Amino acid sequence: MMEIEIIKSTKLSKKEVRSMTKFMFKILLTKKERKKLKLTISFDPIDSEPRQEGYCIQGADDYKYLIWCRGSRQRESQRQTLAHEFVHVRQMIQKDMSPFTGKLISKRLDGLSIKNGDQYWDSPTEIEADGRARGLVSRWHTKHNKTL
């Protein structure tokens, strides 16, 4: 069963974060992958680049992840960031993205490559994460009758 630990949730309730996590990973991962998943989601204040919204780091095994989201951002921004990082978790579990470099390691997303683009924003993994995050949040809102 998927394990979810939430640390210092601020503007989003722990119940809301748990609901989003279960809903979105049901879309992103297979049942077998979800069963193995162990997530720690933190909104703890840390020293990071001021523009950084969040990140995810793989733990000791392929199914253990720490996701950090800037707790001072508005609720909708936090939802988008969580969904974005959830897509990165999927990319790492399904071996599309290296957990060590964040670089594309599969051919599945290769068609999204942009020649001469910005190395970060134009990378296939970021293009997929940004695009899917919007859709995931919108679907979660619809299912839970939340307004944007």
C-alpha atoms as a PDB file:
ATOM      1  CA  MET A   1       0.000   0.000   0.000  1.00  0.00           C
ATOM      2  CA  MET A   2       1.252   3.487  -0.826  1.00  0.00           C
ATOM      3  CA  GLU A   3       2.757   5.227   2.214  1.00  0.00           C
ATOM      4  CA  ILE A   4       2.360   8.997   2.498  1.00  0.00           C
ATOM      5  CA  GLU A   5       4.009  11.103   5.198  1.00  0.00           C
ATOM      6  CA  ILE A   6       3.195  14.825   5.180  1.00  0.00           C
ATOM      7  CA  ILE A   7       5.432  17.257   7.050  1.00  0.00           C
ATOM      8  CA  LYS A   8       4.407  20.803   7.955  1.00  0.00           C
ATOM      9  CA  SER A   9       1.521  21.273   5.560  1.00  0.00           C
ATOM     10  CA  THR A  10       0.601  24.946   5.747  1.00  0.00           C
ATOM     11  CA  LYS A  11      -1.977  26.327   3.326  1.00  0.00           C
ATOM     12  CA  LEU A  12      -3.102  22.931   2.052  1.00  0.00           C
ATOM     13  CA  SER A  13      -4.569  20.599   4.648  1.00  0.00           C
ATOM     14  CA  LYS A  14      -2.986  17.196   5.128  1.00  0.00           C
ATOM     15  CA  LYS A  15      -6.313  15.672   4.064  1.00  0.00           C
ATOM     16  CA  GLU A  16      -6.220  17.648   0.807  1.00  0.00           C
ATOM     17  CA  VAL A  17      -2.579  16.697   0.094  1.00  0.00           C
ATOM     18  CA  ARG A  18      -3.348  13.028   0.774  1.00  0.00           C
ATOM     19  CA  SER A  19      -6.421  13.203  -1.507  1.00  0.00           C
ATOM     20  CA  MET A  20      -4.431  14.786  -4.334  1.00  0.00           C
ATOM     21  CA  THR A  21      -1.598  12.287  -3.932  1.00  0.00           C
ATOM     22  CA  LYS A  22      -3.847   9.232  -4.121  1.00  0.00           C
ATOM     23  CA  PHE A  23      -5.924  10.619  -6.998  1.00  0.00           C
ATOM     24  CA  MET A  24      -2.954  11.699  -9.126  1.00  0.00           C
ATOM     25  CA  PHE A  25      -0.834   8.610  -8.615  1.00  0.00           C
ATOM     26  CA  LYS A  26      -3.821   6.464  -9.565  1.00  0.00           C
ATOM     27  CA  ILE A  27      -3.544   8.165 -12.962  1.00  0.00           C
ATOM     28  CA  LEU A  28       0.261   8.223 -13.165  1.00  0.00           C
ATOM     29  CA  LEU A  29       1.305   4.788 -11.879  1.00  0.00           C
ATOM     30  CA  THR A  30       0.225   1.174 -12.174  1.00  0.00           C
ATOM     31  CA  LYS A  31      -1.361  -0.495  -9.158  1.00  0.00           C
ATOM     32  CA  LYS A  32       1.831  -2.518  -8.613  1.00  0.00           C
ATOM     33  CA  GLU A  33       3.950   0.661  -8.648  1.00  0.00           C
ATOM     34  CA  ARG A  34       1.568   2.482  -6.283  1.00  0.00           C
ATOM     35  CA  LYS A  35       1.745  -0.357  -3.740  1.00  0.00           C
ATOM     36  CA  LYS A  36       5.529   0.054  -3.430  1.00  0.00           C
ATOM     37  CA  LEU A  37       5.533   3.872  -3.288  1.00  0.00           C
ATOM     38  CA  LYS A  38       6.749   5.600  -0.106  1.00  0.00           C
ATOM     39  CA  LEU A  39       6.424   9.385  -0.181  1.00  0.00           C
ATOM     40  CA  THR A  40       7.469  12.066   2.238  1.00  0.00           C
ATOM     41  CA  ILE A  41       5.915  15.402   1.269  1.00  0.00           C
ATOM     42  CA  SER A  42       7.342  18.419   3.042  1.00  0.00           C
ATOM     43  CA  PHE A  43       6.314  22.068   3.150  1.00  0.00           C
ATOM     44  CA  ASP A  44       9.105  22.858   5.625  1.00  0.00           C
ATOM     45  CA  PRO A  45      10.857  26.182   5.022  1.00  0.00           C
ATOM     46  CA  ILE A  46      14.375  25.632   3.708  1.00  0.00           C
ATOM     47  CA  ASP A  47      17.099  27.720   2.192  1.00  0.00           C
ATOM     48  CA  SER A  48      16.676  27.348  -1.541  1.00  0.00           C
ATOM     49  CA  GLU A  49      16.734  29.562  -4.579  1.00  0.00           C
ATOM     50  CA  PRO A  50      13.839  32.027  -4.112  1.00  0.00           C
ATOM     51  CA  ARG A  51      12.276  31.096  -7.457  1.00  0.00           C
ATOM     52  CA  GLN A  52      12.353  27.372  -6.730  1.00  0.00           C
ATOM     53  CA  GLU A  53       8.809  26.091  -6.185  1.00  0.00           C
ATOM     54  CA  GLY A  54       9.651  22.496  -5.324  1.00  0.00           C
ATOM     55  CA  TYR A  55      11.734  19.425  -6.017  1.00  0.00           C
ATOM     56  CA  CYS A  56      11.755  15.673  -5.606  1.00  0.00           C
ATOM     57  CA  ILE A  57      14.604  13.389  -4.630  1.00  0.00           C
ATOM     58  CA  GLN A  58      14.737   9.615  -4.878  1.00  0.00           C
ATOM     59  CA  GLY A  59      15.551   7.868  -1.619  1.00  0.00           C
ATOM     60  CA  ALA A  60      17.366   4.630  -0.900  1.00  0.00           C
ATOM     61  CA  ASP A  61      15.269   2.598  -3.342  1.00  0.00           C
ATOM     62  CA  ASP A  62      13.343   3.104  -6.591  1.00  0.00           C
ATOM     63  CA  TYR A  63      10.044   3.723  -4.791  1.00  0.00           C
ATOM     64  CA  LYS A  64      11.031   6.048  -1.941  1.00  0.00           C
ATOM     65  CA  TYR A  65      10.828   9.816  -2.597  1.00  0.00           C
ATOM     66  CA  LEU A  66      11.015  13.121  -0.798  1.00  0.00           C
ATOM     67  CA  ILE A  67       8.957  15.903  -2.352  1.00  0.00           C
ATOM     68  CA  TRP A  68       9.439  19.443  -1.135  1.00  0.00           C
ATOM     69  CA  CYS A  69       7.012  22.256  -1.936  1.00  0.00           C
ATOM     70  CA  ARG A  70       7.463  25.893  -0.933  1.00  0.00           C
ATOM     71  CA  GLY A  71       4.894  26.371   1.833  1.00  0.00           C
ATOM     72  CA  SER A  72       4.732  30.145   1.469  1.00  0.00           C
ATOM     73  CA  ARG A  73       3.184  29.993  -2.030  1.00  0.00           C
ATOM     74  CA  GLN A  74      -0.540  30.327  -2.664  1.00  0.00           C
ATOM     75  CA  ARG A  75      -2.683  27.196  -2.458  1.00  0.00           C
ATOM     76  CA  GLU A  76      -3.144  26.770  -6.216  1.00  0.00           C
ATOM     77  CA  SER A  77       0.580  27.222  -6.814  1.00  0.00           C
ATOM     78  CA  GLN A  78       1.285  24.508  -4.233  1.00  0.00           C
ATOM     79  CA  ARG A  79      -1.194  22.162  -5.952  1.00  0.00           C
ATOM     80  CA  GLN A  80       0.478  22.741  -9.328  1.00  0.00           C
ATOM     81  CA  THR A  81       3.935  22.206  -7.833  1.00  0.00           C
ATOM     82  CA  LEU A  82       2.927  18.959  -6.134  1.00  0.00           C
ATOM     83  CA  ALA A  83       1.411  17.628  -9.364  1.00  0.00           C
ATOM     84  CA  HIS A  84       4.555  18.656 -11.286  1.00  0.00           C
ATOM     85  CA  GLU A  85       6.784  16.805  -8.822  1.00  0.00           C
ATOM     86  CA  PHE A  86       4.459  13.778  -8.898  1.00  0.00           C
ATOM     87  CA  VAL A  87       5.074  13.565 -12.666  1.00  0.00           C
ATOM     88  CA  HIS A  88       8.828  13.584 -11.987  1.00  0.00           C
ATOM     89  CA  VAL A  89       8.337  10.690  -9.548  1.00  0.00           C
ATOM     90  CA  ARG A  90       6.547   8.787 -12.321  1.00  0.00           C
ATOM     91  CA  GLN A  91       9.380   9.621 -14.738  1.00  0.00           C
ATOM     92  CA  MET A  92      11.968   8.215 -12.328  1.00  0.00           C
ATOM     93  CA  ILE A  93       9.981   5.088 -11.423  1.00  0.00           C
ATOM     94  CA  GLN A  94       9.313   4.300 -15.078  1.00  0.00           C
ATOM     95  CA  LYS A  95      12.939   5.061 -16.017  1.00  0.00           C
ATOM     96  CA  ASP A  96      12.266   8.074 -18.252  1.00  0.00           C
ATOM     97  CA  MET A  97      14.416  10.374 -16.125  1.00  0.00           C
ATOM     98  CA  SER A  98      17.617   9.795 -14.198  1.00  0.00           C
ATOM     99  CA  PRO A  99      17.097  10.261 -10.432  1.00  0.00           C
ATOM    100  CA  PHE A 100      20.694  11.457 -10.190  1.00  0.00           C
ATOM    101  CA  THR A 101      20.916  14.027 -12.994  1.00  0.00           C
ATOM    102  CA  GLY A 102      17.295  14.776 -13.858  1.00  0.00           C
ATOM    103  CA  LYS A 103      18.181  14.100 -17.494  1.00  0.00           C
ATOM    104  CA  LEU A 104      16.117  12.152 -19.994  1.00  0.00           C
ATOM    105  CA  ILE A 105      17.256   8.523 -20.158  1.00  0.00           C
ATOM    106  CA  SER A 106      14.527   6.886 -22.276  1.00  0.00           C
ATOM    107  CA  LYS A 107      13.411   7.359 -25.865  1.00  0.00           C
ATOM    108  CA  ARG A 108       9.724   7.706 -24.879  1.00  0.00           C
ATOM    109  CA  LEU A 109       9.910  11.495 -24.413  1.00  0.00           C
ATOM    110  CA  ASP A 110      12.614  12.085 -27.009  1.00  0.00           C
ATOM    111  CA  GLY A 111      10.216  13.737 -29.462  1.00  0.00           C
ATOM    112  CA  LEU A 112       9.712  16.578 -26.990  1.00  0.00           C
ATOM    113  CA  SER A 113      13.365  17.643 -27.251  1.00  0.00           C
ATOM    114  CA  ILE A 114      13.869  21.233 -28.397  1.00  0.00           C
ATOM    115  CA  LYS A 115      17.126  21.980 -30.148  1.00  0.00           C
ATOM    116  CA  ASN A 116      18.918  25.113 -28.927  1.00  0.00           C
ATOM    117  CA  GLY A 117      16.367  25.518 -26.134  1.00  0.00           C
ATOM    118  CA  ASP A 118      16.944  26.369 -22.505  1.00  0.00           C
ATOM    119  CA  GLN A 119      18.470  23.308 -20.876  1.00  0.00           C
ATOM    120  CA  TYR A 120      15.961  23.266 -18.016  1.00  0.00           C
ATOM    121  CA  TRP A 121      12.643  24.639 -19.298  1.00  0.00           C
ATOM    122  CA  ASP A 122      12.906  23.020 -22.720  1.00  0.00           C
ATOM    123  CA  SER A 123      13.888  19.577 -21.482  1.00  0.00           C
ATOM    124  CA  PRO A 124      11.355  16.839 -22.297  1.00  0.00           C
ATOM    125  CA  THR A 125      10.948  15.912 -18.630  1.00  0.00           C
ATOM    126  CA  GLU A 126       9.990  19.495 -17.689  1.00  0.00           C
ATOM    127  CA  ILE A 127       7.679  19.882 -20.689  1.00  0.00           C
ATOM    128  CA  GLU A 128       5.829  16.718 -19.685  1.00  0.00           C
ATOM    129  CA  ALA A 129       5.734  17.652 -15.974  1.00  0.00           C
ATOM    130  CA  ASP A 130       4.362  21.143 -16.667  1.00  0.00           C
ATOM    131  CA  GLY A 131       1.743  19.929 -19.124  1.00  0.00           C
ATOM    132  CA  ARG A 132       0.546  16.997 -17.080  1.00  0.00           C
ATOM    133  CA  ALA A 133       0.482  18.995 -13.819  1.00  0.00           C
ATOM    134  CA  ARG A 134      -2.147  21.380 -15.168  1.00  0.00           C
ATOM    135  CA  GLY A 135      -4.322  18.495 -16.340  1.00  0.00           C
ATOM    136  CA  LEU A 136      -3.935  16.524 -13.121  1.00  0.00           C
ATOM    137  CA  VAL A 137      -4.912  19.498 -10.944  1.00  0.00           C
ATOM    138  CA  SER A 138      -7.871  20.332 -13.181  1.00  0.00           C
ATOM    139  CA  ARG A 139      -9.132  16.728 -13.018  1.00  0.00           C
ATOM    140  CA  TRP A 140      -8.674  16.648  -9.245  1.00  0.00           C
ATOM    141  CA  HIS A 141     -10.668  19.902  -8.919  1.00  0.00           C
ATOM    142  CA  THR A 142     -13.457  18.478 -11.079  1.00  0.00           C
ATOM    143  CA  LYS A 143     -13.635  15.189  -9.153  1.00  0.00           C
ATOM    144  CA  HIS A 144     -13.715  16.961  -5.793  1.00  0.00           C
ATOM    145  CA  ASN A 145     -15.938  19.867  -6.866  1.00  0.00           C
ATOM    146  CA  LYS A 146     -13.246  22.369  -5.982  1.00  0.00           C
ATOM    147  CA  THR A 147     -13.156  25.751  -7.663  1.00  0.00           C
ATOM    148  CA  LEU A 148      -9.931  27.188  -9.010  1.00  0.00           C
END
